[in-house]
Amino acid sequence: MQCVKCGQEMHEALVNHQMECRNQLFCFEEVPALQCAACGHVFLSEETIEVLISRVHQLAAKATISYHRLRWPKAAGGEQHPELVAQLMETINKSVRKS
């Protein structure tokens, strides 16, 4: 199979793969995939994706750790906005107080 990004040949590999579902992060190691040696693009087969989704549903039913995903605010020129940073810190503090 050829890579959809760069057109080079893909080879079988075992990769680490992360999936995010409802603010939960699932990290899988040694997932069978096709990987491009040139650009590193990874292709997962339909069967592999079905197995991963099944495992996510099984794991989500057990005790898991939730997290909040936030981006640090920056201005167009790369400078930080103090008011946005303060707002972000308040959001983080509220989240920590709830836990």
PDB file of N, CA and C in Angstrom:
ATOM      1  N   MET A   1       0.847  -1.180   0.000  1.00  0.00           N
ATOM      2  CA  MET A   1       0.000   0.000   0.000  1.00  0.00           C
ATOM      3  C   MET A   1       0.893   1.245   0.000  1.00  0.00           C
ATOM      4  N   GLN A   2       0.426   2.270  -0.695  1.00  0.00           N
ATOM      5  CA  GLN A   2       1.185   3.517  -0.754  1.00  0.00           C
ATOM      6  C   GLN A   2       0.597   4.539   0.219  1.00  0.00           C
ATOM      7  N   CYS A   3       1.464   5.367   0.760  1.00  0.00           N
ATOM      8  CA  CYS A   3       1.080   6.399   1.718  1.00  0.00           C
ATOM      9  C   CYS A   3       0.181   7.436   1.045  1.00  0.00           C
ATOM     10  N   VAL A   4      -0.907   7.796   1.724  1.00  0.00           N
ATOM     11  CA  VAL A   4      -1.826   8.796   1.168  1.00  0.00           C
ATOM     12  C   VAL A   4      -1.256  10.207   1.271  1.00  0.00           C
ATOM     13  N   LYS A   5      -0.252  10.409   2.122  1.00  0.00           N
ATOM     14  CA  LYS A   5       0.340  11.738   2.280  1.00  0.00           C
ATOM     15  C   LYS A   5       1.462  12.007   1.284  1.00  0.00           C
ATOM     16  N   CYS A   6       2.391  11.028   1.155  1.00  0.00           N
ATOM     17  CA  CYS A   6       3.570  11.303   0.321  1.00  0.00           C
ATOM     18  C   CYS A   6       3.731  10.340  -0.853  1.00  0.00           C
ATOM     19  N   GLY A   7       2.916   9.282  -0.905  1.00  0.00           N
ATOM     20  CA  GLY A   7       2.972   8.350  -2.024  1.00  0.00           C
ATOM     21  C   GLY A   7       4.029   7.267  -1.923  1.00  0.00           C
ATOM     22  N   GLN A   8       4.817   7.271  -0.851  1.00  0.00           N
ATOM     23  CA  GLN A   8       5.853   6.248  -0.668  1.00  0.00           C
ATOM     24  C   GLN A   8       5.229   4.949  -0.161  1.00  0.00           C
ATOM     25  N   GLU A   9       6.011   3.886  -0.195  1.00  0.00           N
ATOM     26  CA  GLU A   9       5.536   2.568   0.241  1.00  0.00           C
ATOM     27  C   GLU A   9       5.412   2.516   1.766  1.00  0.00           C
ATOM     28  N   MET A  10       4.342   1.854   2.240  1.00  0.00           N
ATOM     29  CA  MET A  10       4.131   1.678   3.675  1.00  0.00           C
ATOM     30  C   MET A  10       4.520   0.254   4.060  1.00  0.00           C
ATOM     31  N   HIS A  11       4.978   0.082   5.294  1.00  0.00           N
ATOM     32  CA  HIS A  11       5.378  -1.240   5.771  1.00  0.00           C
ATOM     33  C   HIS A  11       4.669  -1.555   7.092  1.00  0.00           C
ATOM     34  N   GLU A  12       4.579  -2.840   7.429  1.00  0.00           N
ATOM     35  CA  GLU A  12       3.943  -3.250   8.674  1.00  0.00           C
ATOM     36  C   GLU A  12       4.807  -2.818   9.850  1.00  0.00           C
ATOM     37  N   ALA A  13       4.136  -2.351  10.912  1.00  0.00           N
ATOM     38  CA  ALA A  13       4.855  -1.893  12.103  1.00  0.00           C
ATOM     39  C   ALA A  13       3.947  -2.029  13.318  1.00  0.00           C
ATOM     40  N   LEU A  14       4.551  -1.993  14.487  1.00  0.00           N
ATOM     41  CA  LEU A  14       3.808  -1.919  15.741  1.00  0.00           C
ATOM     42  C   LEU A  14       4.001  -0.506  16.266  1.00  0.00           C
ATOM     43  N   VAL A  15       2.897   0.209  16.465  1.00  0.00           N
ATOM     44  CA  VAL A  15       2.967   1.618  16.844  1.00  0.00           C
ATOM     45  C   VAL A  15       2.241   1.854  18.164  1.00  0.00           C
ATOM     46  N   ASN A  16       2.558   2.966  18.794  1.00  0.00           N
ATOM     47  CA  ASN A  16       1.797   3.424  19.950  1.00  0.00           C
ATOM     48  C   ASN A  16       0.696   4.331  19.419  1.00  0.00           C
ATOM     49  N   HIS A  17      -0.518   4.143  19.928  1.00  0.00           N
ATOM     50  CA  HIS A  17      -1.658   4.903  19.412  1.00  0.00           C
ATOM     51  C   HIS A  17      -2.474   5.443  20.575  1.00  0.00           C
ATOM     52  N   GLN A  18      -2.903   6.696  20.462  1.00  0.00           N
ATOM     53  CA  GLN A  18      -3.731   7.317  21.491  1.00  0.00           C
ATOM     54  C   GLN A  18      -5.099   7.631  20.918  1.00  0.00           C
ATOM     55  N   MET A  19      -6.124   7.392  21.729  1.00  0.00           N
ATOM     56  CA  MET A  19      -7.498   7.737  21.352  1.00  0.00           C
ATOM     57  C   MET A  19      -8.096   8.562  22.478  1.00  0.00           C
ATOM     58  N   GLU A  20      -8.872   9.565  22.112  1.00  0.00           N
ATOM     59  CA  GLU A  20      -9.541  10.409  23.087  1.00  0.00           C
ATOM     60  C   GLU A  20     -11.040  10.206  22.948  1.00  0.00           C
ATOM     61  N   CYS A  21     -11.709   9.989  24.072  1.00  0.00           N
ATOM     62  CA  CYS A  21     -13.153   9.779  24.059  1.00  0.00           C
ATOM     63  C   CYS A  21     -13.749  10.358  25.332  1.00  0.00           C
ATOM     64  N   ARG A  22     -14.616  11.349  25.201  1.00  0.00           N
ATOM     65  CA  ARG A  22     -15.299  11.971  26.338  1.00  0.00           C
ATOM     66  C   ARG A  22     -14.324  12.397  27.442  1.00  0.00           C
ATOM     67  N   ASN A  23     -13.346  13.159  27.076  1.00  0.00           N
ATOM     68  CA  ASN A  23     -12.325  13.664  28.001  1.00  0.00           C
ATOM     69  C   ASN A  23     -11.565  12.566  28.724  1.00  0.00           C
ATOM     70  N   GLN A  24     -11.429  11.425  28.086  1.00  0.00           N
ATOM     71  CA  GLN A  24     -10.600  10.350  28.608  1.00  0.00           C
ATOM     72  C   GLN A  24      -9.597   9.986  27.519  1.00  0.00           C
ATOM     73  N   LEU A  25      -8.362   9.787  27.924  1.00  0.00           N
ATOM     74  CA  LEU A  25      -7.300   9.468  26.981  1.00  0.00           C
ATOM     75  C   LEU A  25      -6.923   8.004  27.142  1.00  0.00           C
ATOM     76  N   PHE A  26      -6.917   7.274  26.041  1.00  0.00           N
ATOM     77  CA  PHE A  26      -6.574   5.859  26.038  1.00  0.00           C
ATOM     78  C   PHE A  26      -5.295   5.690  25.223  1.00  0.00           C
ATOM     79  N   CYS A  27      -4.282   5.095  25.829  1.00  0.00           N
ATOM     80  CA  CYS A  27      -2.990   4.891  25.177  1.00  0.00           C
ATOM     81  C   CYS A  27      -2.781   3.400  24.941  1.00  0.00           C
ATOM     82  N   PHE A  28      -2.596   3.033  23.703  1.00  0.00           N
ATOM     83  CA  PHE A  28      -2.382   1.635  23.329  1.00  0.00           C
ATOM     84  C   PHE A  28      -0.957   1.482  22.818  1.00  0.00           C
ATOM     85  N   GLU A  29      -0.299   0.421  23.240  1.00  0.00           N
ATOM     86  CA  GLU A  29       1.066   0.137  22.800  1.00  0.00           C
ATOM     87  C   GLU A  29       1.071  -1.059  21.864  1.00  0.00           C
ATOM     88  N   GLU A  30       2.009  -1.050  20.935  1.00  0.00           N
ATOM     89  CA  GLU A  30       2.229  -2.146  19.993  1.00  0.00           C
ATOM     90  C   GLU A  30       0.971  -2.503  19.199  1.00  0.00           C
ATOM     91  N   VAL A  31       0.363  -1.489  18.609  1.00  0.00           N
ATOM     92  CA  VAL A  31      -0.821  -1.663  17.763  1.00  0.00           C
ATOM     93  C   VAL A  31      -0.343  -1.988  16.348  1.00  0.00           C
ATOM     94  N   PRO A  32      -0.851  -3.066  15.744  1.00  0.00           N
ATOM     95  CA  PRO A  32      -0.439  -3.383  14.370  1.00  0.00           C
ATOM     96  C   PRO A  32      -0.969  -2.330  13.397  1.00  0.00           C
ATOM     97  N   ALA A  33      -0.090  -1.851  12.531  1.00  0.00           N
ATOM     98  CA  ALA A  33      -0.463  -0.784  11.599  1.00  0.00           C
ATOM     99  C   ALA A  33       0.450  -0.834  10.386  1.00  0.00           C
ATOM    100  N   LEU A  34       0.101  -0.023   9.398  1.00  0.00           N
ATOM    101  CA  LEU A  34       1.002   0.243   8.280  1.00  0.00           C
ATOM    102  C   LEU A  34       1.580   1.628   8.520  1.00  0.00           C
ATOM    103  N   GLN A  35       2.902   1.755   8.359  1.00  0.00           N
ATOM    104  CA  GLN A  35       3.552   3.034   8.610  1.00  0.00           C
ATOM    105  C   GLN A  35       4.468   3.386   7.447  1.00  0.00           C
ATOM    106  N   CYS A  36       4.440   4.643   7.065  1.00  0.00           N
ATOM    107  CA  CYS A  36       5.291   5.131   5.982  1.00  0.00           C
ATOM    108  C   CYS A  36       6.689   5.413   6.531  1.00  0.00           C
ATOM    109  N   ALA A  37       7.690   4.831   5.892  1.00  0.00           N
ATOM    110  CA  ALA A  37       9.074   5.050   6.319  1.00  0.00           C
ATOM    111  C   ALA A  37       9.533   6.470   5.991  1.00  0.00           C
ATOM    112  N   ALA A  38       8.937   7.073   4.966  1.00  0.00           N
ATOM    113  CA  ALA A  38       9.369   8.402   4.538  1.00  0.00           C
ATOM    114  C   ALA A  38       8.820   9.513   5.434  1.00  0.00           C
ATOM    115  N   CYS A  39       7.490   9.522   5.659  1.00  0.00           N
ATOM    116  CA  CYS A  39       6.891  10.634   6.408  1.00  0.00           C
ATOM    117  C   CYS A  39       6.343  10.224   7.774  1.00  0.00           C
ATOM    118  N   GLY A  40       6.268   8.926   8.053  1.00  0.00           N
ATOM    119  CA  GLY A  40       5.805   8.462   9.362  1.00  0.00           C
ATOM    120  C   GLY A  40       4.303   8.330   9.504  1.00  0.00           C
ATOM    121  N   HIS A  41       3.554   8.634   8.449  1.00  0.00           N
ATOM    122  CA  HIS A  41       2.095   8.524   8.510  1.00  0.00           C
ATOM    123  C   HIS A  41       1.696   7.091   8.857  1.00  0.00           C
ATOM    124  N   VAL A  42       0.681   6.946   9.717  1.00  0.00           N
ATOM    125  CA  VAL A  42       0.233   5.633  10.178  1.00  0.00           C
ATOM    126  C   VAL A  42      -1.167   5.360   9.654  1.00  0.00           C
ATOM    127  N   PHE A  43      -1.385   4.132   9.177  1.00  0.00           N
ATOM    128  CA  PHE A  43      -2.695   3.691   8.703  1.00  0.00           C
ATOM    129  C   PHE A  43      -3.124   2.501   9.548  1.00  0.00           C
ATOM    130  N   LEU A  44      -4.301   2.605  10.178  1.00  0.00           N
ATOM    131  CA  LEU A  44      -4.864   1.506  10.956  1.00  0.00           C
ATOM    132  C   LEU A  44      -5.967   0.855  10.142  1.00  0.00           C
ATOM    133  N   SER A  45      -5.976  -0.471  10.112  1.00  0.00           N
ATOM    134  CA  SER A  45      -7.013  -1.187   9.361  1.00  0.00           C
ATOM    135  C   SER A  45      -8.353  -1.071  10.082  1.00  0.00           C
ATOM    136  N   GLU A  46      -9.412  -1.343   9.359  1.00  0.00           N
ATOM    137  CA  GLU A  46     -10.756  -1.295   9.936  1.00  0.00           C
ATOM    138  C   GLU A  46     -10.878  -2.277  11.099  1.00  0.00           C
ATOM    139  N   GLU A  47     -10.290  -3.464  10.940  1.00  0.00           N
ATOM    140  CA  GLU A  47     -10.346  -4.475  12.001  1.00  0.00           C
ATOM    141  C   GLU A  47      -9.630  -3.986  13.259  1.00  0.00           C
ATOM    142  N   THR A  48      -8.485  -3.360  13.083  1.00  0.00           N
ATOM    143  CA  THR A  48      -7.728  -2.838  14.226  1.00  0.00           C
ATOM    144  C   THR A  48      -8.517  -1.751  14.935  1.00  0.00           C
ATOM    145  N   ILE A  49      -9.144  -0.865  14.179  1.00  0.00           N
ATOM    146  CA  ILE A  49      -9.941   0.206  14.773  1.00  0.00           C
ATOM    147  C   ILE A  49     -11.110  -0.374  15.559  1.00  0.00           C
ATOM    148  N   GLU A  50     -11.757  -1.410  15.028  1.00  0.00           N
ATOM    149  CA  GLU A  50     -12.863  -2.047  15.743  1.00  0.00           C
ATOM    150  C   GLU A  50     -12.398  -2.618  17.080  1.00  0.00           C
ATOM    151  N   VAL A  51     -11.221  -3.248  17.094  1.00  0.00           N
ATOM    152  CA  VAL A  51     -10.674  -3.794  18.343  1.00  0.00           C
ATOM    153  C   VAL A  51     -10.381  -2.665  19.332  1.00  0.00           C
ATOM    154  N   LEU A  52      -9.785  -1.574  18.858  1.00  0.00           N
ATOM    155  CA  LEU A  52      -9.471  -0.445  19.736  1.00  0.00           C
ATOM    156  C   LEU A  52     -10.739   0.162  20.327  1.00  0.00           C
ATOM    157  N   ILE A  53     -11.759   0.350  19.511  1.00  0.00           N
ATOM    158  CA  ILE A  53     -13.018   0.923  19.999  1.00  0.00           C
ATOM    159  C   ILE A  53     -13.660  -0.004  21.024  1.00  0.00           C
ATOM    160  N   SER A  54     -13.611  -1.299  20.775  1.00  0.00           N
ATOM    161  CA  SER A  54     -14.145  -2.270  21.728  1.00  0.00           C
ATOM    162  C   SER A  54     -13.417  -2.168  23.067  1.00  0.00           C
ATOM    163  N   ARG A  55     -12.092  -2.063  23.013  1.00  0.00           N
ATOM    164  CA  ARG A  55     -11.302  -1.934  24.250  1.00  0.00           C
ATOM    165  C   ARG A  55     -11.602  -0.623  24.966  1.00  0.00           C
ATOM    166  N   VAL A  56     -11.819   0.453  24.219  1.00  0.00           N
ATOM    167  CA  VAL A  56     -12.156   1.741  24.830  1.00  0.00           C
ATOM    168  C   VAL A  56     -13.467   1.613  25.592  1.00  0.00           C
ATOM    169  N   HIS A  57     -14.468   0.963  24.999  1.00  0.00           N
ATOM    170  CA  HIS A  57     -15.750   0.784  25.682  1.00  0.00           C
ATOM    171  C   HIS A  57     -15.585  -0.054  26.941  1.00  0.00           C
ATOM    172  N   GLN A  58     -14.770  -1.094  26.883  1.00  0.00           N
ATOM    173  CA  GLN A  58     -14.523  -1.931  28.062  1.00  0.00           C
ATOM    174  C   GLN A  58     -13.812  -1.135  29.155  1.00  0.00           C
ATOM    175  N   LEU A  59     -12.796  -0.388  28.766  1.00  0.00           N
ATOM    176  CA  LEU A  59     -12.030   0.376  29.747  1.00  0.00           C
ATOM    177  C   LEU A  59     -12.831   1.536  30.325  1.00  0.00           C
ATOM    178  N   ALA A  60     -13.670   2.157  29.518  1.00  0.00           N
ATOM    179  CA  ALA A  60     -14.464   3.295  29.979  1.00  0.00           C
ATOM    180  C   ALA A  60     -15.466   2.870  31.045  1.00  0.00           C
ATOM    181  N   ALA A  61     -15.876   1.603  31.026  1.00  0.00           N
ATOM    182  CA  ALA A  61     -16.817   1.100  32.024  1.00  0.00           C
ATOM    183  C   ALA A  61     -16.139   0.929  33.383  1.00  0.00           C
ATOM    184  N   LYS A  62     -14.821   0.851  33.394  1.00  0.00           N
ATOM    185  CA  LYS A  62     -14.062   0.711  34.638  1.00  0.00           C
ATOM    186  C   LYS A  62     -13.673   2.097  35.144  1.00  0.00           C
ATOM    187  N   ALA A  63     -12.984   2.126  36.255  1.00  0.00           N
ATOM    188  CA  ALA A  63     -12.521   3.393  36.815  1.00  0.00           C
ATOM    189  C   ALA A  63     -11.500   4.031  35.877  1.00  0.00           C
ATOM    190  N   THR A  64     -11.724   5.271  35.534  1.00  0.00           N
ATOM    191  CA  THR A  64     -10.808   6.002  34.659  1.00  0.00           C
ATOM    192  C   THR A  64     -10.536   7.377  35.244  1.00  0.00           C
ATOM    193  N   ILE A  65      -9.568   8.049  34.700  1.00  0.00           N
ATOM    194  CA  ILE A  65      -9.217   9.396  35.134  1.00  0.00           C
ATOM    195  C   ILE A  65      -9.622  10.364  34.032  1.00  0.00           C
ATOM    196  N   SER A  66     -10.436  11.348  34.377  1.00  0.00           N
ATOM    197  CA  SER A  66     -10.825  12.374  33.411  1.00  0.00           C
ATOM    198  C   SER A  66      -9.789  13.496  33.435  1.00  0.00           C
ATOM    199  N   TYR A  67      -9.746  14.270  32.371  1.00  0.00           N
ATOM    200  CA  TYR A  67      -8.823  15.384  32.292  1.00  0.00           C
ATOM    201  C   TYR A  67      -9.479  16.510  31.517  1.00  0.00           C
ATOM    202  N   HIS A  68      -8.886  17.673  31.599  1.00  0.00           N
ATOM    203  CA  HIS A  68      -9.366  18.833  30.851  1.00  0.00           C
ATOM    204  C   HIS A  68      -8.280  19.220  29.862  1.00  0.00           C
ATOM    205  N   ARG A  69      -8.686  19.402  28.633  1.00  0.00           N
ATOM    206  CA  ARG A  69      -7.737  19.760  27.580  1.00  0.00           C
ATOM    207  C   ARG A  69      -7.895  21.245  27.284  1.00  0.00           C
ATOM    208  N   LEU A  70      -6.843  22.010  27.514  1.00  0.00           N
ATOM    209  CA  LEU A  70      -6.877  23.455  27.313  1.00  0.00           C
ATOM    210  C   LEU A  70      -5.674  23.882  26.491  1.00  0.00           C
ATOM    211  N   ARG A  71      -5.858  24.946  25.732  1.00  0.00           N
ATOM    212  CA  ARG A  71      -4.740  25.533  24.985  1.00  0.00           C
ATOM    213  C   ARG A  71      -4.340  26.828  25.672  1.00  0.00           C
ATOM    214  N   TRP A  72      -3.047  27.056  25.732  1.00  0.00           N
ATOM    215  CA  TRP A  72      -2.540  28.278  26.333  1.00  0.00           C
ATOM    216  C   TRP A  72      -2.786  29.433  25.373  1.00  0.00           C
ATOM    217  N   PRO A  73      -3.446  30.514  25.832  1.00  0.00           N
ATOM    218  CA  PRO A  73      -3.791  31.623  24.924  1.00  0.00           C
ATOM    219  C   PRO A  73      -2.568  32.436  24.517  1.00  0.00           C
ATOM    220  N   LYS A  74      -2.491  32.732  23.238  1.00  0.00           N
ATOM    221  CA  LYS A  74      -1.411  33.570  22.713  1.00  0.00           C
ATOM    222  C   LYS A  74      -2.009  34.564  21.723  1.00  0.00           C
ATOM    223  N   ALA A  75      -1.397  35.700  21.642  1.00  0.00           N
ATOM    224  CA  ALA A  75      -1.826  36.715  20.683  1.00  0.00           C
ATOM    225  C   ALA A  75      -1.326  36.324  19.302  1.00  0.00           C
ATOM    226  N   ALA A  76      -1.806  37.034  18.295  1.00  0.00           N
ATOM    227  CA  ALA A  76      -1.413  36.747  16.919  1.00  0.00           C
ATOM    228  C   ALA A  76       0.096  36.878  16.742  1.00  0.00           C
ATOM    229  N   GLY A  77       0.717  37.800  17.441  1.00  0.00           N
ATOM    230  CA  GLY A  77       2.158  38.006  17.332  1.00  0.00           C
ATOM    231  C   GLY A  77       2.973  37.112  18.241  1.00  0.00           C
ATOM    232  N   GLY A  78       2.307  36.212  18.961  1.00  0.00           N
ATOM    233  CA  GLY A  78       3.016  35.316  19.856  1.00  0.00           C
ATOM    234  C   GLY A  78       3.088  35.812  21.292  1.00  0.00           C
ATOM    235  N   GLU A  79       2.562  37.038  21.545  1.00  0.00           N
ATOM    236  CA  GLU A  79       2.588  37.575  22.903  1.00  0.00           C
ATOM    237  C   GLU A  79       1.389  37.041  23.682  1.00  0.00           C
ATOM    238  N   GLN A  80       1.564  36.895  24.977  1.00  0.00           N
ATOM    239  CA  GLN A  80       0.480  36.397  25.815  1.00  0.00           C
ATOM    240  C   GLN A  80      -0.444  37.539  26.215  1.00  0.00           C
ATOM    241  N   HIS A  81      -1.735  37.220  26.352  1.00  0.00           N
ATOM    242  CA  HIS A  81      -2.726  38.177  26.835  1.00  0.00           C
ATOM    243  C   HIS A  81      -2.936  37.925  28.318  1.00  0.00           C
ATOM    244  N   PRO A  82      -2.549  38.849  29.204  1.00  0.00           N
ATOM    245  CA  PRO A  82      -2.688  38.621  30.648  1.00  0.00           C
ATOM    246  C   PRO A  82      -4.120  38.303  31.073  1.00  0.00           C
ATOM    247  N   GLU A  83      -5.110  38.970  30.452  1.00  0.00           N
ATOM    248  CA  GLU A  83      -6.502  38.718  30.846  1.00  0.00           C
ATOM    249  C   GLU A  83      -6.948  37.310  30.447  1.00  0.00           C
ATOM    250  N   LEU A  84      -6.477  36.808  29.311  1.00  0.00           N
ATOM    251  CA  LEU A  84      -6.817  35.446  28.898  1.00  0.00           C
ATOM    252  C   LEU A  84      -6.110  34.416  29.773  1.00  0.00           C
ATOM    253  N   VAL A  85      -4.883  34.713  30.157  1.00  0.00           N
ATOM    254  CA  VAL A  85      -4.152  33.810  31.050  1.00  0.00           C
ATOM    255  C   VAL A  85      -4.859  33.745  32.397  1.00  0.00           C
ATOM    256  N   ALA A  86      -5.303  34.888  32.919  1.00  0.00           N
ATOM    257  CA  ALA A  86      -6.024  34.914  34.196  1.00  0.00           C
ATOM    258  C   ALA A  86      -7.323  34.118  34.094  1.00  0.00           C
ATOM    259  N   GLN A  87      -8.030  34.265  32.987  1.00  0.00           N
ATOM    260  CA  GLN A  87      -9.275  33.523  32.774  1.00  0.00           C
ATOM    261  C   GLN A  87      -8.997  32.020  32.705  1.00  0.00           C
ATOM    262  N   LEU A  88      -7.953  31.632  32.027  1.00  0.00           N
ATOM    263  CA  LEU A  88      -7.578  30.219  31.936  1.00  0.00           C
ATOM    264  C   LEU A  88      -7.221  29.669  33.310  1.00  0.00           C
ATOM    265  N   MET A  89      -6.450  30.419  34.085  1.00  0.00           N
ATOM    266  CA  MET A  89      -6.063  29.963  35.424  1.00  0.00           C
ATOM    267  C   MET A  89      -7.291  29.822  36.323  1.00  0.00           C
ATOM    268  N   GLU A  90      -8.253  30.708  36.206  1.00  0.00           N
ATOM    269  CA  GLU A  90      -9.486  30.603  36.994  1.00  0.00           C
ATOM    270  C   GLU A  90     -10.259  29.347  36.609  1.00  0.00           C
ATOM    271  N   THR A  91     -10.320  29.035  35.326  1.00  0.00           N
ATOM    272  CA  THR A  91     -10.985  27.812  34.865  1.00  0.00           C
ATOM    273  C   THR A  91     -10.299  26.581  35.442  1.00  0.00           C
ATOM    274  N   ILE A  92      -8.978  26.570  35.428  1.00  0.00           N
ATOM    275  CA  ILE A  92      -8.225  25.442  35.987  1.00  0.00           C
ATOM    276  C   ILE A  92      -8.482  25.324  37.484  1.00  0.00           C
ATOM    277  N   ASN A  93      -8.455  26.443  38.197  1.00  0.00           N
ATOM    278  CA  ASN A  93      -8.680  26.413  39.643  1.00  0.00           C
ATOM    279  C   ASN A  93     -10.079  25.911  39.990  1.00  0.00           C
ATOM    280  N   LYS A  94     -11.092  26.326  39.240  1.00  0.00           N
ATOM    281  CA  LYS A  94     -12.454  25.840  39.475  1.00  0.00           C
ATOM    282  C   LYS A  94     -12.520  24.338  39.259  1.00  0.00           C
ATOM    283  N   SER A  95     -11.852  23.873  38.230  1.00  0.00           N
ATOM    284  CA  SER A  95     -11.847  22.446  37.916  1.00  0.00           C
ATOM    285  C   SER A  95     -11.194  21.647  39.039  1.00  0.00           C
ATOM    286  N   VAL A  96     -10.093  22.152  39.574  1.00  0.00           N
ATOM    287  CA  VAL A  96      -9.377  21.458  40.647  1.00  0.00           C
ATOM    288  C   VAL A  96     -10.224  21.426  41.914  1.00  0.00           C
ATOM    289  N   ARG A  97     -10.930  22.524  42.210  1.00  0.00           N
ATOM    290  CA  ARG A  97     -11.768  22.571  43.411  1.00  0.00           C
ATOM    291  C   ARG A  97     -12.907  21.571  43.353  1.00  0.00           C
ATOM    292  N   LYS A  98     -13.431  21.285  42.158  1.00  0.00           N
ATOM    293  CA  LYS A  98     -14.537  20.336  42.006  1.00  0.00           C
ATOM    294  C   LYS A  98     -14.088  18.905  42.254  1.00  0.00           C
ATOM    295  N   SER A  99     -12.821  18.588  42.005  1.00  0.00           N
ATOM    296  CA  SER A  99     -12.358  17.203  42.131  1.00  0.00           C
ATOM    297  C   SER A  99     -12.135  16.781  43.553  1.00  0.00           C
TER     298      SER A  99
END
